[in-house]
Amino acid sequence: MIKKCVYTLCVDNYFPELCELTLPNHEAYAKKIGADFKLITERENPSWPPTYEKTQIHRYSYENAWNIHIDADMLIHPDMWDITNDDLSTIVYYSIYDPRLYFPANPYFLRDGRLIGICSSFLAVPNWCSDLWQPFAPEITFDMARQSVERIHGIDDYCFSINFAKYGLKGRYIFGGDNPPIWYVQHLEVGGDCGDRKEEIVKKAKELLASWE
C-alpha cells in the first residue's frame, strides 16, 4: 500500500467555528483513502501571509508517495473517491486558471507557455513532483513577492504556479474538466476577512454535512 498524507493549513486560530466542521471531514476523507492526516498549525514564516505556510508540505513530501492539500474552508463529500493513482509523474488538481489574470509575466511563465495557474485548495501531488511545494528562493523576500500578487492571500498559488512552470510539471483535473460536480467538493470560499458572513458560512457548512448523512 502506497503511503499518502492529507494536509490542512490551520494557523492563527483560523475560523474555529468552521474548522470544527471541516477538519473532521478532512480527517474522514484521509481515513477513507488510507492516508495520514496532518494539520499545519505552526507559523514558520510569520512575516508572510498565513497561506504561504502550505510550503511546509515540501519538507514532508518525499516521505509519501502522495501529498494532498485541502483548504480549511472546503468540505469533501463522503462518496468522494481516492484521487491518487499509480502515475507519480502527474499532479491532480481541483482547479486551475490563467495566471495572467492575477500575476505579472515572468520568465518561467513565458518560457513554459501553457499559462497554468495552480489553485491549491484541493491538490494532490505525487512525490516525483514535490518541487511544486518548494518555497521561494531565500533571496526572494516577502516585499519582492507581494509586488507580483494582486490578492495577498493568494501568494501560495503564485509560488506553486511559478514552480509548476519552472519545473515543467504535468497535471490533470480530478474531474476531467473545470466544472466539478458540486456534490463531491464544496468550497465555502471564505477568502480573506469574511466579517459578518461567518454565521452564514457556518450555517451552510452544517446544512451540507447534514444533507450528506
Protein backbone atom coordinates (compact mmCIF):
# COMPACT_ATOMS: atom_id res chain seq x y z
CA MET A 1 0.00 0.00 0.00
CA ILE A 2 1.42 3.38 -1.01
CA LYS A 3 1.92 6.00 1.68
CA LYS A 4 -0.21 9.13 1.47
CA CYS A 5 -0.86 12.17 3.63
CA VAL A 6 -3.67 14.72 3.66
CA TYR A 7 -2.76 18.18 5.00
CA THR A 8 -4.88 21.11 6.08
CA LEU A 9 -3.45 24.51 6.98
CA CYS A 10 -4.99 25.94 10.16
CA VAL A 11 -2.87 28.66 11.76
CA ASP A 12 -3.53 31.80 13.80
CA ASN A 13 -6.77 30.41 15.23
CA TYR A 14 -8.34 30.43 11.78
CA PHE A 15 -12.19 30.49 11.88
CA PRO A 16 -12.56 27.89 14.67
CA GLU A 17 -16.35 27.62 14.29
CA LEU A 18 -15.88 26.45 10.71
CA CYS A 19 -12.83 24.28 11.38
CA GLU A 20 -14.85 22.33 13.95
CA LEU A 21 -16.86 21.13 10.96
CA THR A 22 -14.31 20.91 8.16
CA LEU A 23 -11.33 19.31 9.91
CA PRO A 24 -13.17 16.13 10.96
CA ASN A 25 -14.47 15.96 7.40
CA HIS A 26 -10.92 16.10 6.01
CA GLU A 27 -9.71 13.53 8.51
CA ALA A 28 -12.56 11.21 7.50
CA TYR A 29 -11.55 11.55 3.84
CA ALA A 30 -7.93 10.78 4.73
CA LYS A 31 -9.02 7.67 6.62
CA LYS A 32 -11.19 6.56 3.72
CA ILE A 33 -8.28 6.65 1.26
CA GLY A 34 -5.77 5.13 3.67
CA ALA A 35 -3.83 8.36 4.23
CA ASP A 36 -2.36 10.01 7.29
CA PHE A 37 -3.86 13.34 8.31
CA LYS A 38 -1.63 16.26 9.35
CA LEU A 39 -2.65 19.72 10.50
CA ILE A 40 -0.22 22.53 9.80
CA THR A 41 -0.68 24.71 12.87
CA GLU A 42 2.67 26.44 13.42
CA ARG A 43 3.84 29.61 11.71
CA GLU A 44 7.37 29.24 10.33
CA ASN A 45 7.21 32.35 8.14
CA PRO A 46 5.41 34.91 10.34
CA SER A 47 6.28 37.83 8.08
CA TRP A 48 4.48 36.17 5.18
CA PRO A 49 0.70 35.68 4.74
CA PRO A 50 -0.63 32.57 6.51
CA THR A 51 -1.35 30.78 3.22
CA TYR A 52 2.39 30.68 2.47
CA GLU A 53 2.74 28.10 5.26
CA LYS A 54 1.47 25.50 2.77
CA THR A 55 5.06 25.39 1.55
CA GLN A 56 5.84 23.43 4.72
CA ILE A 57 4.49 20.41 2.87
CA HIS A 58 7.72 20.40 0.86
CA ARG A 59 9.62 19.20 3.92
CA TYR A 60 7.44 16.10 4.25
CA SER A 61 6.71 15.49 0.59
CA TYR A 62 9.39 12.89 -0.09
CA GLU A 63 8.20 10.75 2.83
CA ASN A 64 4.97 9.93 1.00
CA ALA A 65 4.02 8.75 -2.47
CA TRP A 66 1.22 11.33 -2.47
CA ASN A 67 0.70 14.59 -0.58
CA ILE A 68 -2.78 16.12 -0.69
CA HIS A 69 -3.72 19.59 0.49
CA ILE A 70 -7.32 20.55 1.30
CA ASP A 71 -8.20 24.13 2.31
CA ALA A 72 -9.79 24.58 5.73
CA ASP A 73 -12.89 26.11 4.09
CA MET A 74 -13.65 23.04 1.96
CA LEU A 75 -15.91 20.07 2.55
CA ILE A 76 -15.43 16.71 0.83
CA HIS A 77 -18.46 14.50 0.15
CA PRO A 78 -18.33 11.05 1.81
CA ASP A 79 -18.63 9.43 -1.63
CA MET A 80 -15.55 11.21 -2.97
CA TRP A 81 -13.07 8.70 -4.32
CA ASP A 82 -9.32 8.42 -3.81
CA ILE A 83 -7.83 10.98 -6.19
CA THR A 84 -4.37 9.42 -6.06
CA ASN A 85 -3.24 6.82 -8.60
CA ASP A 86 -0.20 4.91 -9.85
CA ASP A 87 1.05 7.74 -12.08
CA LEU A 88 3.63 9.55 -9.97
CA SER A 89 4.55 11.89 -12.81
CA THR A 90 1.31 13.91 -12.85
CA ILE A 91 -0.27 16.30 -10.34
CA VAL A 92 -4.02 16.07 -9.81
CA TYR A 93 -5.77 19.41 -9.29
CA TYR A 94 -9.29 20.56 -8.50
CA SER A 95 -8.97 23.84 -10.34
CA ILE A 96 -6.55 25.89 -12.43
CA TYR A 97 -6.77 29.32 -14.02
CA ASP A 98 -4.97 31.68 -16.39
CA PRO A 99 -2.14 33.20 -14.31
CA ARG A 100 -2.29 36.37 -16.41
CA LEU A 101 -5.48 37.26 -14.52
CA TYR A 102 -3.56 37.66 -11.25
CA PHE A 103 0.21 37.62 -11.78
CA PRO A 104 2.63 39.57 -13.97
CA ALA A 105 4.62 37.82 -16.67
CA ASN A 106 7.87 36.27 -15.55
CA PRO A 107 10.49 34.19 -17.39
CA TYR A 108 9.07 30.89 -16.13
CA PHE A 109 5.51 31.60 -17.31
CA LEU A 110 6.80 32.93 -20.63
CA ARG A 111 9.15 30.01 -21.26
CA ASP A 112 6.58 27.41 -20.24
CA GLY A 113 3.84 28.92 -22.39
CA ARG A 114 0.97 26.78 -21.02
CA LEU A 115 -0.43 29.57 -18.84
CA ILE A 116 -1.48 27.35 -15.94
CA GLY A 117 -2.15 28.93 -12.57
CA ILE A 118 -2.28 26.38 -9.77
CA CYS A 119 -5.13 26.55 -7.26
CA SER A 120 -4.00 24.91 -4.02
CA SER A 121 -7.46 24.49 -2.48
CA PHE A 122 -7.67 20.75 -3.26
CA LEU A 123 -4.48 19.43 -4.76
CA ALA A 124 -2.77 16.03 -4.89
CA VAL A 125 0.94 15.96 -5.66
CA PRO A 126 2.98 12.75 -6.12
CA ASN A 127 6.49 12.76 -4.73
CA TRP A 128 8.05 12.82 -8.21
CA CYS A 129 6.51 16.30 -8.46
CA SER A 130 7.40 17.52 -4.97
CA ASP A 131 9.14 20.57 -6.46
CA LEU A 132 5.67 22.11 -6.64
CA TRP A 133 5.66 22.70 -2.85
CA GLN A 134 9.09 24.35 -2.88
CA PRO A 135 9.21 27.74 -1.10
CA PHE A 136 10.55 30.80 -2.86
CA ALA A 137 14.33 31.00 -3.05
CA PRO A 138 15.83 32.73 0.03
CA GLU A 139 16.75 35.80 -1.97
CA ILE A 140 13.07 36.46 -2.77
CA THR A 141 11.70 38.47 0.15
CA PHE A 142 8.06 38.94 1.00
CA ASP A 143 8.23 42.56 -0.17
CA MET A 144 9.53 41.37 -3.53
CA ALA A 145 6.88 38.65 -3.89
CA ARG A 146 3.95 40.81 -2.80
CA GLN A 147 4.58 43.23 -5.66
CA SER A 148 3.55 40.43 -8.03
CA VAL A 149 0.36 39.37 -6.24
CA GLU A 150 -2.94 41.16 -6.71
CA ARG A 151 -4.55 39.35 -3.75
CA ILE A 152 -2.00 38.87 -0.98
CA HIS A 153 -3.64 35.74 0.45
CA GLY A 154 -3.02 34.14 -2.97
CA ILE A 155 0.75 34.16 -2.53
CA ASP A 156 0.72 30.36 -2.15
CA ASP A 157 -0.87 29.99 -5.58
CA TYR A 158 1.72 32.37 -7.02
CA CYS A 159 4.56 30.29 -5.58
CA PHE A 160 3.09 26.98 -6.77
CA SER A 161 2.21 28.34 -10.21
CA ILE A 162 5.80 29.51 -10.70
CA ASN A 163 7.09 26.10 -9.62
CA PHE A 164 4.70 24.31 -11.98
CA ALA A 165 6.08 26.34 -14.89
CA LYS A 166 9.69 26.40 -13.68
CA TYR A 167 9.97 22.62 -13.43
CA GLY A 168 7.73 21.79 -16.40
CA LEU A 169 5.41 19.72 -14.22
CA LYS A 170 2.38 17.87 -15.59
CA GLY A 171 -1.15 17.96 -14.25
CA ARG A 172 -4.72 16.87 -14.85
CA TYR A 173 -8.15 17.63 -13.41
CA ILE A 174 -9.65 15.50 -10.67
CA PHE A 175 -12.96 15.51 -12.50
CA GLY A 176 -11.67 15.64 -16.06
CA GLY A 177 -12.69 19.26 -16.55
CA ASP A 178 -13.07 22.62 -14.87
CA ASN A 179 -16.71 22.05 -13.86
CA PRO A 180 -16.59 19.59 -10.96
CA PRO A 181 -19.87 18.08 -9.73
CA ILE A 182 -20.76 20.30 -6.80
CA TRP A 183 -21.88 17.42 -4.62
CA TYR A 184 -18.35 15.99 -4.38
CA VAL A 185 -16.40 19.07 -3.32
CA GLN A 186 -17.81 22.19 -1.70
CA HIS A 187 -15.54 25.22 -1.43
CA LEU A 188 -17.10 27.68 1.02
CA GLU A 189 -14.67 30.34 -0.24
CA VAL A 190 -14.06 32.23 2.95
CA GLY A 191 -11.15 34.10 1.36
CA GLY A 192 -9.79 37.00 3.39
CA ASP A 193 -11.79 38.69 6.13
CA CYS A 194 -15.31 37.29 5.84
CA GLY A 195 -16.59 39.64 8.56
CA ASP A 196 -20.33 39.38 9.12
CA ARG A 197 -20.61 36.39 6.74
CA LYS A 198 -19.27 33.97 9.35
CA GLU A 199 -22.67 32.83 10.64
CA GLU A 200 -23.91 32.34 7.09
CA ILE A 201 -20.84 30.25 6.17
CA VAL A 202 -21.10 28.04 9.26
CA LYS A 203 -24.82 27.54 8.64
CA LYS A 204 -24.15 26.47 5.06
CA ALA A 205 -21.46 24.02 6.19
CA LYS A 206 -23.79 22.46 8.75
CA GLU A 207 -26.58 22.14 6.20
CA LEU A 208 -24.25 20.45 3.72
CA LEU A 209 -22.96 17.96 6.25
CA ALA A 210 -26.49 17.16 7.39
CA SER A 211 -27.63 16.60 3.80
CA TRP A 212 -24.76 14.14 3.27
CA GLU A 213 -25.61 11.93 6.25
